[in-house]
Amino acid sequence: MPTAPRTARATARAELTRAILDNATAQLAEIGPAALSVRAIARDLGMASSAVYRYFPSRDALLTALLVEAYDALGAAVEEADAGVRRGDLRGRFRAMAKALRAWAVENPHQYALTYGSPVPGYAAPGDTVAPAQRVTYALLGLVRDAQQAGRRPHGPDRVSAAEKASIAPVTALVDPPLSPAYAVRALIAWSTLFGHVSLELFGHMHQGVLDYETHHATVVDQLAADLGLA
């Protein structure tokens, strides 16, 4: 069934929603999420504050929309990179996903800071953000599941303590068939290392310690791929 054409009113609403989000994104770069101001957005767009609240009922609702948009954009970049590599090339897929993650973060540092930086005081992300936030996680775990099904094994001890098995039980069950505890542990280490490395770079903690971030990132990614048994 053909989609009904969008009405002029719906088009105007979509365009103004986009303008509000774009202005809010610009504020992230200028003053950070904690100082996000609906009043300033309204002023920049020539609107009354009350008019902006008809689109986003609170500052927190606007922050949530920005979070969802950022998570979805990063997730889409990583998923697209994964889809562009032959399924059996496990290391190639991992490299592509890791490169896409870093590239998106470098190109969108303020959106990355919103999603993976310091929490915004007084803001608690609602359930709406969970699924978008998990897109990168599912992509990585899907790759590890494929490696496990292909008979690969992670480097390191096969034995995982009972306490750790209980701790990571939610991760092992996120994909079907479930990951082994040993693979789930290595996947969590890889996940945290990828994001930790990008965060250290973007937030200036490797300044003058690493002179070529891209080269060093590639070295880290290849080491993680070896640890996951993808090489």
Protein backbone atom coordinates (compact mmCIF):
# COMPACT_ATOMS: atom_id res chain seq x y z
CA MET A 1 0.00 0.00 0.00
CA PRO A 2 1.50 3.37 -0.98
CA THR A 3 2.41 5.72 1.83
CA ALA A 4 0.08 8.66 2.25
CA PRO A 5 1.74 11.97 1.35
CA ARG A 6 2.89 14.02 4.32
CA THR A 7 0.71 17.01 5.05
CA ALA A 8 2.13 20.51 5.03
CA ARG A 9 1.62 20.68 8.78
CA ALA A 10 3.50 17.41 9.33
CA THR A 11 6.31 18.59 7.07
CA ALA A 12 6.61 21.87 8.96
CA ARG A 13 6.66 20.04 12.27
CA ALA A 14 9.39 17.67 11.07
CA GLU A 15 11.48 20.57 9.78
CA LEU A 16 11.16 22.51 13.02
CA THR A 17 11.94 19.40 15.09
CA ARG A 18 15.09 18.97 12.99
CA ALA A 19 16.02 22.62 13.50
CA ILE A 20 15.64 22.31 17.28
CA LEU A 21 17.81 19.19 17.35
CA ASP A 22 20.46 20.79 15.14
CA ASN A 23 20.57 23.86 17.36
CA ALA A 24 20.81 21.71 20.47
CA THR A 25 23.65 19.72 18.87
CA ALA A 26 25.49 22.97 18.21
CA GLN A 27 25.03 23.86 21.88
CA LEU A 28 26.72 20.59 22.85
CA ALA A 29 29.86 21.83 21.12
CA GLU A 30 29.69 25.31 22.63
CA ILE A 31 28.57 24.82 26.22
CA GLY A 32 28.13 21.09 26.82
CA PRO A 33 25.01 19.07 27.67
CA ALA A 34 24.77 20.18 31.31
CA ALA A 35 24.18 23.78 30.21
CA LEU A 36 21.77 22.94 27.39
CA SER A 37 19.22 25.76 27.29
CA VAL A 38 15.75 25.53 25.76
CA ARG A 39 15.49 29.30 26.13
CA ALA A 40 18.65 29.82 24.03
CA ILE A 41 17.36 27.43 21.37
CA ALA A 42 14.08 29.31 21.21
CA ARG A 43 15.93 32.62 20.90
CA ASP A 44 18.17 31.35 18.09
CA LEU A 45 15.16 30.01 16.16
CA GLY A 46 13.02 33.08 16.76
CA MET A 47 10.49 31.14 18.83
CA ALA A 48 8.96 31.45 22.25
CA SER A 49 10.24 28.92 24.79
CA SER A 50 6.71 27.64 25.19
CA ALA A 51 6.67 26.78 21.47
CA VAL A 52 9.81 24.63 21.79
CA TYR A 53 8.17 22.77 24.67
CA ARG A 54 5.38 21.70 22.31
CA TYR A 55 8.02 19.65 20.49
CA PHE A 56 10.08 18.57 23.49
CA PRO A 57 8.19 18.85 26.80
CA SER A 58 11.36 19.29 28.87
CA ARG A 59 15.09 19.74 28.64
CA ASP A 60 15.45 16.08 29.60
CA ALA A 61 13.22 15.04 26.69
CA LEU A 62 15.48 17.01 24.37
CA LEU A 63 18.58 15.38 25.86
CA THR A 64 16.97 11.98 25.37
CA ALA A 65 16.29 12.76 21.70
CA LEU A 66 19.91 13.82 21.25
CA LEU A 67 21.15 10.65 22.94
CA VAL A 68 18.95 8.39 20.83
CA GLU A 69 20.06 10.15 17.66
CA ALA A 70 23.74 9.85 18.58
CA TYR A 71 23.50 6.20 19.60
CA ASP A 72 21.62 5.37 16.40
CA ALA A 73 24.12 7.22 14.23
CA LEU A 74 27.06 5.40 15.83
CA GLY A 75 25.25 2.07 15.69
CA ALA A 76 24.41 2.54 12.02
CA ALA A 77 28.04 3.41 11.20
CA VAL A 78 29.35 0.29 12.93
CA GLU A 79 26.66 -1.98 11.43
CA GLU A 80 27.29 -0.63 7.94
CA ALA A 81 31.03 -1.20 8.31
CA ASP A 82 30.41 -4.78 9.45
CA ALA A 83 28.02 -5.45 6.57
CA GLY A 84 30.62 -4.29 4.05
CA VAL A 85 33.03 -7.14 4.84
CA ARG A 86 32.72 -10.80 3.87
CA ARG A 87 31.04 -12.75 6.70
CA GLY A 88 33.87 -15.25 7.04
CA ASP A 89 36.54 -12.55 7.36
CA LEU A 90 36.19 -12.22 11.11
CA ARG A 91 39.28 -10.08 11.67
CA GLY A 92 38.34 -7.86 8.74
CA ARG A 93 34.88 -7.33 10.18
CA PHE A 94 36.29 -6.46 13.59
CA ARG A 95 38.78 -4.04 12.09
CA ALA A 96 36.04 -2.37 10.05
CA MET A 97 33.72 -1.99 13.06
CA ALA A 98 36.48 -0.60 15.28
CA LYS A 99 37.61 1.84 12.59
CA ALA A 100 34.02 3.03 12.06
CA LEU A 101 33.55 3.52 15.81
CA ARG A 102 36.64 5.69 16.09
CA ALA A 103 35.91 7.60 12.88
CA TRP A 104 32.41 8.50 14.04
CA ALA A 105 33.70 9.60 17.43
CA VAL A 106 36.45 11.75 15.92
CA GLU A 107 33.96 13.36 13.51
CA ASN A 108 31.33 13.87 16.22
CA PRO A 109 33.29 14.45 19.44
CA HIS A 110 30.57 16.36 21.25
CA GLN A 111 27.92 13.74 20.50
CA TYR A 112 30.38 11.07 21.63
CA ALA A 113 30.97 13.02 24.85
CA LEU A 114 27.20 13.15 25.40
CA THR A 115 26.86 9.38 25.05
CA TYR A 116 30.10 8.14 26.62
CA GLY A 117 31.39 11.08 28.62
CA SER A 118 30.48 12.34 32.07
CA PRO A 119 26.82 11.94 33.13
CA VAL A 120 24.70 15.07 32.91
CA PRO A 121 23.88 16.19 36.48
CA GLY A 122 20.24 15.63 37.31
CA TYR A 123 19.50 13.65 34.15
CA ALA A 124 18.62 9.95 34.13
CA ALA A 125 18.41 8.35 30.71
CA PRO A 126 15.04 6.62 30.21
CA GLY A 127 14.41 3.20 28.68
CA ASP A 128 14.06 4.79 25.24
CA THR A 129 17.85 5.00 25.04
CA VAL A 130 18.60 1.34 25.78
CA ALA A 131 17.99 -0.24 22.38
CA PRO A 132 19.91 2.44 20.44
CA ALA A 133 22.77 2.25 22.94
CA GLN A 134 23.02 -1.52 22.48
CA ARG A 135 23.46 -1.47 18.71
CA VAL A 136 27.27 -1.42 18.82
CA THR A 137 27.27 -4.03 21.58
CA TYR A 138 25.07 -6.38 19.57
CA ALA A 139 27.24 -5.92 16.49
CA LEU A 140 30.36 -6.87 18.43
CA LEU A 141 28.70 -9.78 20.22
CA GLY A 142 27.29 -11.01 16.91
CA LEU A 143 30.81 -11.13 15.52
CA VAL A 144 32.08 -13.01 18.57
CA ARG A 145 29.17 -15.45 18.27
CA ASP A 146 30.13 -16.06 14.63
CA ALA A 147 33.71 -16.70 15.71
CA GLN A 148 32.55 -19.18 18.34
CA GLN A 149 30.35 -21.00 15.82
CA ALA A 150 33.29 -21.14 13.41
CA GLY A 151 35.28 -23.02 16.04
CA ARG A 152 37.55 -20.14 17.03
CA ARG A 153 38.68 -19.81 20.63
CA PRO A 154 39.75 -16.70 22.54
CA HIS A 155 43.31 -16.49 23.79
CA GLY A 156 43.76 -16.85 27.51
CA PRO A 157 42.43 -19.20 30.18
CA ASP A 158 39.35 -21.26 29.30
CA ARG A 159 38.27 -21.46 32.91
CA VAL A 160 36.10 -18.70 34.33
CA SER A 161 35.33 -18.53 38.03
CA ALA A 162 31.81 -19.21 39.24
CA ALA A 163 31.56 -15.65 40.52
CA GLU A 164 32.55 -14.23 37.12
CA LYS A 165 30.15 -16.57 35.30
CA ALA A 166 27.32 -15.24 37.43
CA SER A 167 28.50 -11.66 36.89
CA ILE A 168 28.52 -11.87 33.09
CA ALA A 169 25.47 -14.10 32.68
CA PRO A 170 23.43 -11.31 31.00
CA VAL A 171 26.12 -10.87 28.32
CA THR A 172 26.43 -14.56 27.51
CA ALA A 173 22.71 -14.70 26.77
CA LEU A 174 22.47 -11.59 24.58
CA VAL A 175 23.10 -13.61 21.41
CA ASP A 176 21.83 -16.96 20.17
CA PRO A 177 23.44 -19.41 20.61
CA PRO A 178 24.83 -18.02 23.89
CA LEU A 179 28.50 -17.20 24.21
CA SER A 180 30.75 -19.34 26.32
CA PRO A 181 31.82 -17.60 29.53
CA ALA A 182 35.41 -17.38 28.25
CA TYR A 183 34.30 -15.70 25.04
CA ALA A 184 31.93 -13.37 26.87
CA VAL A 185 34.78 -12.21 29.12
CA ARG A 186 37.04 -11.51 26.14
CA ALA A 187 34.20 -9.71 24.33
CA LEU A 188 33.63 -7.45 27.34
CA ILE A 189 37.35 -6.70 27.53
CA ALA A 190 37.42 -5.85 23.82
CA TRP A 191 34.30 -3.68 24.10
CA SER A 192 35.63 -1.70 27.07
CA THR A 193 39.07 -1.33 25.49
CA LEU A 194 37.67 0.00 22.21
CA PHE A 195 35.58 2.65 23.93
CA GLY A 196 38.22 3.38 26.55
CA HIS A 197 40.87 3.96 23.90
CA VAL A 198 38.65 6.32 21.93
CA SER A 199 37.69 8.19 25.09
CA LEU A 200 41.31 8.62 26.16
CA GLU A 201 42.14 10.01 22.72
CA LEU A 202 39.19 12.39 22.43
CA PHE A 203 39.43 13.69 25.97
CA GLY A 204 43.14 14.45 25.59
CA HIS A 205 44.56 11.85 27.96
CA MET A 206 47.06 10.47 25.42
CA HIS A 207 48.35 13.88 24.32
CA GLN A 208 52.10 13.64 23.58
CA GLY A 209 52.02 10.06 24.79
CA VAL A 210 50.87 8.85 21.38
CA LEU A 211 51.93 10.84 18.32
CA ASP A 212 49.87 8.98 15.69
CA TYR A 213 46.49 8.06 17.11
CA GLU A 214 45.27 6.27 13.99
CA THR A 215 48.32 4.01 13.79
CA HIS A 216 48.21 3.20 17.49
CA HIS A 217 44.48 2.51 17.32
CA ALA A 218 45.07 0.00 14.50
CA THR A 219 47.69 -1.74 16.64
CA VAL A 220 45.27 -1.97 19.58
CA VAL A 221 42.52 -3.32 17.33
CA ASP A 222 44.79 -6.03 15.89
CA GLN A 223 45.83 -7.09 19.39
CA LEU A 224 42.18 -7.31 20.46
CA ALA A 225 41.39 -9.33 17.33
CA ALA A 226 44.16 -11.75 18.25
CA ASP A 227 42.87 -11.97 21.82
CA LEU A 228 39.42 -12.83 20.45
CA GLY A 229 40.87 -15.56 18.24
CA LEU A 230 39.91 -13.76 15.04
CA ALA A 231 43.35 -13.66 13.42
